[in-house]
């Protein structure tokens, strides 16, 4: 029984590493996701009147969006 628990634990850890890799990978899909996240954060900061932080998030959003668009076109 202990053998199965160890094997299942190893498989779960392996799958977690693979999932993390694909989540962190520098791809167009992930960069569009990052751009969306920073855009939403910027909107929240503007509503709270934290304009400096909002501008930083908008800049990051634009960076990731431009990078994703280049990757989608096949450029690097």
PDB file of N, CA and C in Angstrom:
ATOM      1  N   UNK A   1       0.814  -1.191   0.000  1.00  0.00           N
ATOM      2  CA  UNK A   1       0.000   0.000   0.000  1.00  0.00           C
ATOM      3  C   UNK A   1       0.863   1.262   0.000  1.00  0.00           C
ATOM      4  N   UNK A   2       1.922   1.271   0.800  1.00  0.00           N
ATOM      5  CA  UNK A   2       2.818   2.426   0.849  1.00  0.00           C
ATOM      6  C   UNK A   2       3.468   2.687  -0.502  1.00  0.00           C
ATOM      7  N   UNK A   3       3.735   1.625  -1.249  1.00  0.00           N
ATOM      8  CA  UNK A   3       4.345   1.775  -2.567  1.00  0.00           C
ATOM      9  C   UNK A   3       3.443   2.597  -3.481  1.00  0.00           C
ATOM     10  N   UNK A   4       2.147   2.317  -3.435  1.00  0.00           N
ATOM     11  CA  UNK A   4       1.206   3.018  -4.296  1.00  0.00           C
ATOM     12  C   UNK A   4       1.094   4.494  -3.934  1.00  0.00           C
ATOM     13  N   UNK A   5       1.137   4.774  -2.671  1.00  0.00           N
ATOM     14  CA  UNK A   5       1.074   6.167  -2.229  1.00  0.00           C
ATOM     15  C   UNK A   5       2.305   6.922  -2.711  1.00  0.00           C
ATOM     16  N   UNK A   6       3.461   6.313  -2.628  1.00  0.00           N
ATOM     17  CA  UNK A   6       4.695   6.949  -3.099  1.00  0.00           C
ATOM     18  C   UNK A   6       4.641   7.159  -4.599  1.00  0.00           C
ATOM     19  N   UNK A   7       4.194   6.161  -5.340  1.00  0.00           N
ATOM     20  CA  UNK A   7       4.104   6.275  -6.801  1.00  0.00           C
ATOM     21  C   UNK A   7       3.107   7.366  -7.186  1.00  0.00           C
ATOM     22  N   UNK A   8       1.968   7.393  -6.527  1.00  0.00           N
ATOM     23  CA  UNK A   8       0.969   8.430  -6.818  1.00  0.00           C
ATOM     24  C   UNK A   8       1.528   9.811  -6.490  1.00  0.00           C
ATOM     25  N   UNK A   9       2.255   9.927  -5.385  1.00  0.00           N
ATOM     26  CA  UNK A   9       2.886  11.198  -5.020  1.00  0.00           C
ATOM     27  C   UNK A   9       3.884  11.664  -6.067  1.00  0.00           C
ATOM     28  N   UNK A  10       4.679  10.750  -6.590  1.00  0.00           N
ATOM     29  CA  UNK A  10       5.660  11.086  -7.627  1.00  0.00           C
ATOM     30  C   UNK A  10       4.945  11.539  -8.893  1.00  0.00           C
ATOM     31  N   UNK A  11       3.886  10.843  -9.268  1.00  0.00           N
ATOM     32  CA  UNK A  11       3.137  11.210 -10.477  1.00  0.00           C
ATOM     33  C   UNK A  11       2.502  12.592 -10.317  1.00  0.00           C
ATOM     34  N   UNK A  12       1.907  12.854  -9.169  1.00  0.00           N
ATOM     35  CA  UNK A  12       1.289  14.160  -8.918  1.00  0.00           C
ATOM     36  C   UNK A  12       2.341  15.271  -8.953  1.00  0.00           C
ATOM     37  N   UNK A  13       3.502  15.030  -8.359  1.00  0.00           N
ATOM     38  CA  UNK A  13       4.576  16.027  -8.376  1.00  0.00           C
ATOM     39  C   UNK A  13       5.051  16.284  -9.805  1.00  0.00           C
ATOM     40  N   UNK A  14       5.185  15.234 -10.591  1.00  0.00           N
ATOM     41  CA  UNK A  14       5.614  15.357 -11.981  1.00  0.00           C
ATOM     42  C   UNK A  14       4.599  16.180 -12.781  1.00  0.00           C
ATOM     43  N   UNK A  15       3.321  15.888 -12.597  1.00  0.00           N
ATOM     44  CA  UNK A  15       2.284  16.633 -13.304  1.00  0.00           C
ATOM     45  C   UNK A  15       2.245  18.092 -12.861  1.00  0.00           C
ATOM     46  N   UNK A  16       2.500  18.341 -11.593  1.00  0.00           N
ATOM     47  CA  UNK A  16       2.540  19.718 -11.096  1.00  0.00           C
ATOM     48  C   UNK A  16       3.689  20.491 -11.737  1.00  0.00           C
ATOM     49  N   UNK A  17       4.840  19.860 -11.872  1.00  0.00           N
ATOM     50  CA  UNK A  17       5.991  20.516 -12.509  1.00  0.00           C
ATOM     51  C   UNK A  17       5.674  20.837 -13.965  1.00  0.00           C
ATOM     52  N   UNK A  18       5.048  19.918 -14.655  1.00  0.00           N
ATOM     53  CA  UNK A  18       4.681  20.153 -16.059  1.00  0.00           C
ATOM     54  C   UNK A  18       3.678  21.306 -16.155  1.00  0.00           C
ATOM     55  N   UNK A  19       2.682  21.332 -15.273  1.00  0.00           N
ATOM     56  CA  UNK A  19       1.677  22.396 -15.295  1.00  0.00           C
ATOM     57  C   UNK A  19       2.321  23.750 -15.026  1.00  0.00           C
ATOM     58  N   UNK A  20       3.219  23.811 -14.073  1.00  0.00           N
ATOM     59  CA  UNK A  20       3.908  25.061 -13.754  1.00  0.00           C
ATOM     60  C   UNK A  20       4.748  25.526 -14.936  1.00  0.00           C
ATOM     61  N   UNK A  21       5.417  24.587 -15.598  1.00  0.00           N
ATOM     62  CA  UNK A  21       6.229  24.936 -16.762  1.00  0.00           C
ATOM     63  C   UNK A  21       5.363  25.596 -17.840  1.00  0.00           C
ATOM     64  N   UNK A  22       4.231  24.977 -18.176  1.00  0.00           N
ATOM     65  CA  UNK A  22       3.386  25.537 -19.227  1.00  0.00           C
ATOM     66  C   UNK A  22       2.737  26.852 -18.798  1.00  0.00           C
ATOM     67  N   UNK A  23       2.483  27.021 -17.516  1.00  0.00           N
ATOM     68  CA  UNK A  23       1.907  28.266 -17.010  1.00  0.00           C
ATOM     69  C   UNK A  23       2.922  29.411 -17.066  1.00  0.00           C
ATOM     70  N   UNK A  24       4.187  29.107 -16.820  1.00  0.00           N
ATOM     71  CA  UNK A  24       5.235  30.130 -16.779  1.00  0.00           C
ATOM     72  C   UNK A  24       5.923  30.335 -18.132  1.00  0.00           C
ATOM     73  N   UNK A  25       5.698  29.455 -19.067  1.00  0.00           N
ATOM     74  CA  UNK A  25       6.350  29.490 -20.378  1.00  0.00           C
ATOM     75  C   UNK A  25       6.107  30.824 -21.081  1.00  0.00           C
ATOM     76  N   UNK A  26       7.119  31.292 -21.800  1.00  0.00           N
ATOM     77  CA  UNK A  26       7.014  32.552 -22.541  1.00  0.00           C
ATOM     78  C   UNK A  26       6.342  32.265 -23.882  1.00  0.00           C
ATOM     79  N   UNK A  27       5.012  32.308 -23.890  1.00  0.00           N
ATOM     80  CA  UNK A  27       4.253  32.050 -25.114  1.00  0.00           C
ATOM     81  C   UNK A  27       3.252  33.185 -25.327  1.00  0.00           C
ATOM     82  N   UNK A  28       2.722  33.248 -26.532  1.00  0.00           N
ATOM     83  CA  UNK A  28       1.756  34.298 -26.848  1.00  0.00           C
ATOM     84  C   UNK A  28       0.533  34.197 -25.934  1.00  0.00           C
ATOM     85  N   UNK A  29       0.052  32.998 -25.732  1.00  0.00           N
ATOM     86  CA  UNK A  29      -1.135  32.807 -24.892  1.00  0.00           C
ATOM     87  C   UNK A  29      -0.894  33.300 -23.462  1.00  0.00           C
ATOM     88  N   UNK A  30       0.242  32.926 -22.895  1.00  0.00           N
ATOM     89  CA  UNK A  30       0.555  33.348 -21.531  1.00  0.00           C
ATOM     90  C   UNK A  30       0.777  34.855 -21.453  1.00  0.00           C
ATOM     91  N   UNK A  31       1.400  35.428 -22.476  1.00  0.00           N
ATOM     92  CA  UNK A  31       1.641  36.873 -22.448  1.00  0.00           C
ATOM     93  C   UNK A  31       0.339  37.661 -22.601  1.00  0.00           C
ATOM     94  N   UNK A  32      -0.621  37.140 -23.390  1.00  0.00           N
ATOM     95  CA  UNK A  32      -1.934  37.790 -23.447  1.00  0.00           C
ATOM     96  C   UNK A  32      -2.618  37.700 -22.088  1.00  0.00           C
ATOM     97  N   UNK A  33      -2.476  36.575 -21.405  1.00  0.00           N
ATOM     98  CA  UNK A  33      -3.054  36.410 -20.073  1.00  0.00           C
ATOM     99  C   UNK A  33      -2.425  37.401 -19.098  1.00  0.00           C
ATOM    100  N   UNK A  34      -1.108  37.551 -19.174  1.00  0.00           N
ATOM    101  CA  UNK A  34      -0.413  38.501 -18.289  1.00  0.00           C
ATOM    102  C   UNK A  34      -0.853  39.937 -18.584  1.00  0.00           C
ATOM    103  N   UNK A  35      -1.014  40.261 -19.868  1.00  0.00           N
ATOM    104  CA  UNK A  35      -1.461  41.611 -20.242  1.00  0.00           C
ATOM    105  C   UNK A  35      -2.845  41.888 -19.679  1.00  0.00           C
ATOM    106  N   UNK A  36      -3.726  40.913 -19.780  1.00  0.00           N
ATOM    107  CA  UNK A  36      -5.082  41.069 -19.250  1.00  0.00           C
ATOM    108  C   UNK A  36      -5.057  41.275 -17.740  1.00  0.00           C
ATOM    109  N   UNK A  37      -4.205  40.498 -17.055  1.00  0.00           N
ATOM    110  CA  UNK A  37      -4.109  40.611 -15.598  1.00  0.00           C
ATOM    111  C   UNK A  37      -3.643  42.011 -15.195  1.00  0.00           C
ATOM    112  N   UNK A  38      -2.613  42.525 -15.854  1.00  0.00           N
ATOM    113  CA  UNK A  38      -2.084  43.843 -15.499  1.00  0.00           C
ATOM    114  C   UNK A  38      -3.064  44.953 -15.871  1.00  0.00           C
ATOM    115  N   UNK A  39      -3.811  44.764 -16.947  1.00  0.00           N
ATOM    116  CA  UNK A  39      -4.803  45.766 -17.325  1.00  0.00           C
ATOM    117  C   UNK A  39      -5.895  45.866 -16.253  1.00  0.00           C
ATOM    118  N   UNK A  40      -6.353  44.718 -15.771  1.00  0.00           N
ATOM    119  CA  UNK A  40      -7.375  44.718 -14.713  1.00  0.00           C
ATOM    120  C   UNK A  40      -6.834  45.345 -13.433  1.00  0.00           C
ATOM    121  N   UNK A  41      -5.578  45.039 -13.099  1.00  0.00           N
ATOM    122  CA  UNK A  41      -4.972  45.643 -11.905  1.00  0.00           C
ATOM    123  C   UNK A  41      -4.884  47.158 -12.052  1.00  0.00           C
ATOM    124  N   UNK A  42      -4.534  47.619 -13.253  1.00  0.00           N
ATOM    125  CA  UNK A  42      -4.443  49.063 -13.491  1.00  0.00           C
ATOM    126  C   UNK A  42      -5.798  49.728 -13.312  1.00  0.00           C
ATOM    127  N   UNK A  43      -6.848  49.096 -13.820  1.00  0.00           N
ATOM    128  CA  UNK A  43      -8.184  49.670 -13.657  1.00  0.00           C
ATOM    129  C   UNK A  43      -8.556  49.779 -12.181  1.00  0.00           C
ATOM    130  N   UNK A  44      -8.232  48.763 -11.399  1.00  0.00           N
ATOM    131  CA  UNK A  44      -8.523  48.801  -9.961  1.00  0.00           C
ATOM    132  C   UNK A  44      -7.740  49.917  -9.274  1.00  0.00           C
ATOM    133  N   UNK A  45      -6.477  50.092  -9.668  1.00  0.00           N
ATOM    134  CA  UNK A  45      -5.654  51.134  -9.055  1.00  0.00           C
ATOM    135  C   UNK A  45      -6.192  52.524  -9.403  1.00  0.00           C
ATOM    136  N   UNK A  46      -6.659  52.712 -10.643  1.00  0.00           N
ATOM    137  CA  UNK A  46      -7.216  54.010 -11.019  1.00  0.00           C
ATOM    138  C   UNK A  46      -8.478  54.314 -10.230  1.00  0.00           C
ATOM    139  N   UNK A  47      -9.293  53.289  -9.992  1.00  0.00           N
ATOM    140  CA  UNK A  47     -10.511  53.506  -9.201  1.00  0.00           C
ATOM    141  C   UNK A  47     -10.173  53.910  -7.770  1.00  0.00           C
ATOM    142  N   UNK A  48      -9.023  53.428  -7.274  1.00  0.00           N
ATOM    143  CA  UNK A  48      -8.581  53.778  -5.922  1.00  0.00           C
ATOM    144  C   UNK A  48      -7.744  55.058  -5.919  1.00  0.00           C
ATOM    145  N   UNK A  49      -7.618  55.676  -7.093  1.00  0.00           N
ATOM    146  CA  UNK A  49      -6.847  56.912  -7.274  1.00  0.00           C
ATOM    147  C   UNK A  49      -5.355  56.729  -6.976  1.00  0.00           C
ATOM    148  N   UNK A  50      -4.850  55.536  -7.245  1.00  0.00           N
ATOM    149  CA  UNK A  50      -3.422  55.249  -7.123  1.00  0.00           C
ATOM    150  C   UNK A  50      -2.837  55.286  -8.538  1.00  0.00           C
ATOM    151  N   UNK A  51      -2.675  56.501  -9.051  1.00  0.00           N
ATOM    152  CA  UNK A  51      -2.352  56.696 -10.458  1.00  0.00           C
ATOM    153  C   UNK A  51      -0.963  56.212 -10.844  1.00  0.00           C
ATOM    154  N   UNK A  52       0.008  56.368  -9.963  1.00  0.00           N
ATOM    155  CA  UNK A  52       1.365  55.913 -10.279  1.00  0.00           C
ATOM    156  C   UNK A  52       1.428  54.410 -10.492  1.00  0.00           C
ATOM    157  N   UNK A  53       0.828  53.667  -9.569  1.00  0.00           N
ATOM    158  CA  UNK A  53       0.815  52.210  -9.702  1.00  0.00           C
ATOM    159  C   UNK A  53      -0.020  51.775 -10.898  1.00  0.00           C
ATOM    160  N   UNK A  54      -1.101  52.490 -11.160  1.00  0.00           N
ATOM    161  CA  UNK A  54      -1.950  52.163 -12.311  1.00  0.00           C
ATOM    162  C   UNK A  54      -1.161  52.325 -13.607  1.00  0.00           C
ATOM    163  N   UNK A  55      -0.400  53.398 -13.710  1.00  0.00           N
ATOM    164  CA  UNK A  55       0.412  53.620 -14.912  1.00  0.00           C
ATOM    165  C   UNK A  55       1.443  52.509 -15.100  1.00  0.00           C
ATOM    166  N   UNK A  56       2.033  52.042 -14.001  1.00  0.00           N
ATOM    167  CA  UNK A  56       2.997  50.944 -14.099  1.00  0.00           C
ATOM    168  C   UNK A  56       2.328  49.684 -14.628  1.00  0.00           C
ATOM    169  N   UNK A  57       1.130  49.401 -14.145  1.00  0.00           N
ATOM    170  CA  UNK A  57       0.419  48.208 -14.616  1.00  0.00           C
ATOM    171  C   UNK A  57       0.005  48.357 -16.076  1.00  0.00           C
ATOM    172  N   UNK A  58      -0.385  49.561 -16.483  1.00  0.00           N
ATOM    173  CA  UNK A  58      -0.723  49.773 -17.895  1.00  0.00           C
ATOM    174  C   UNK A  58       0.510  49.574 -18.776  1.00  0.00           C
ATOM    175  N   UNK A  59       1.663  50.034 -18.316  1.00  0.00           N
ATOM    176  CA  UNK A  59       2.899  49.835 -19.082  1.00  0.00           C
ATOM    177  C   UNK A  59       3.225  48.354 -19.215  1.00  0.00           C
ATOM    178  N   UNK A  60       3.091  47.603 -18.120  1.00  0.00           N
ATOM    179  CA  UNK A  60       3.329  46.165 -18.177  1.00  0.00           C
ATOM    180  C   UNK A  60       2.318  45.479 -19.095  1.00  0.00           C
ATOM    181  N   UNK A  61       1.075  45.918 -19.030  1.00  0.00           N
ATOM    182  CA  UNK A  61       0.042  45.354 -19.891  1.00  0.00           C
ATOM    183  C   UNK A  61       0.390  45.568 -21.357  1.00  0.00           C
ATOM    184  N   UNK A  62       0.811  46.771 -21.704  1.00  0.00           N
ATOM    185  CA  UNK A  62       1.199  47.063 -23.089  1.00  0.00           C
ATOM    186  C   UNK A  62       2.417  46.250 -23.506  1.00  0.00           C
ATOM    187  N   UNK A  63       3.384  46.104 -22.611  1.00  0.00           N
ATOM    188  CA  UNK A  63       4.585  45.323 -22.920  1.00  0.00           C
ATOM    189  C   UNK A  63       4.212  43.881 -23.259  1.00  0.00           C
ATOM    190  N   UNK A  64       3.410  43.260 -22.384  1.00  0.00           N
ATOM    191  CA  UNK A  64       3.044  41.860 -22.608  1.00  0.00           C
ATOM    192  C   UNK A  64       2.153  41.698 -23.843  1.00  0.00           C
ATOM    193  N   UNK A  65       1.274  42.657 -24.089  1.00  0.00           N
ATOM    194  CA  UNK A  65       0.401  42.578 -25.257  1.00  0.00           C
ATOM    195  C   UNK A  65       1.223  42.683 -26.547  1.00  0.00           C
ATOM    196  N   UNK A  66       2.148  43.627 -26.591  1.00  0.00           N
ATOM    197  CA  UNK A  66       2.988  43.774 -27.780  1.00  0.00           C
ATOM    198  C   UNK A  66       3.845  42.532 -27.998  1.00  0.00           C
ATOM    199  N   UNK A  67       4.393  42.003 -26.916  1.00  0.00           N
ATOM    200  CA  UNK A  67       5.216  40.796 -27.016  1.00  0.00           C
ATOM    201  C   UNK A  67       4.385  39.616 -27.523  1.00  0.00           C
ATOM    202  N   UNK A  68       3.161  39.481 -27.014  1.00  0.00           N
ATOM    203  CA  UNK A  68       2.279  38.392 -27.441  1.00  0.00           C
ATOM    204  C   UNK A  68       1.895  38.532 -28.902  1.00  0.00           C
ATOM    205  N   UNK A  69       1.625  39.767 -29.334  1.00  0.00           N
ATOM    206  CA  UNK A  69       1.282  39.982 -30.726  1.00  0.00           C
ATOM    207  C   UNK A  69       2.439  39.624 -31.643  1.00  0.00           C
ATOM    208  N   UNK A  70       3.649  39.965 -31.244  1.00  0.00           N
ATOM    209  CA  UNK A  70       4.829  39.590 -32.039  1.00  0.00           C
ATOM    210  C   UNK A  70       4.981  38.077 -32.084  1.00  0.00           C
ATOM    211  N   UNK A  71       4.782  37.413 -30.951  1.00  0.00           N
ATOM    212  CA  UNK A  71       4.903  35.959 -30.923  1.00  0.00           C
ATOM    213  C   UNK A  71       3.821  35.301 -31.763  1.00  0.00           C
ATOM    214  N   UNK A  72       2.630  35.861 -31.764  1.00  0.00           N
ATOM    215  CA  UNK A  72       1.535  35.300 -32.551  1.00  0.00           C
ATOM    216  C   UNK A  72       1.818  35.418 -34.053  1.00  0.00           C
ATOM    217  N   UNK A  73       2.539  36.483 -34.435  1.00  0.00           N
ATOM    218  CA  UNK A  73       2.913  36.663 -35.839  1.00  0.00           C
ATOM    219  C   UNK A  73       4.133  35.838 -36.218  1.00  0.00           C
ATOM    220  N   UNK A  74       4.765  35.221 -35.246  1.00  0.00           N
ATOM    221  CA  UNK A  74       5.939  34.399 -35.523  1.00  0.00           C
ATOM    222  C   UNK A  74       7.254  35.137 -35.368  1.00  0.00           C
ATOM    223  N   UNK A  75       7.208  36.361 -34.871  1.00  0.00           N
ATOM    224  CA  UNK A  75       8.414  37.139 -34.624  1.00  0.00           C
ATOM    225  C   UNK A  75       8.876  36.884 -33.201  1.00  0.00           C
ATOM    226  N   UNK A  76      10.094  37.254 -32.892  1.00  0.00           N
ATOM    227  CA  UNK A  76      10.567  37.115 -31.511  1.00  0.00           C
ATOM    228  C   UNK A  76      10.944  38.403 -30.948  1.00  0.00           C
TER     229      UNK A  76
END
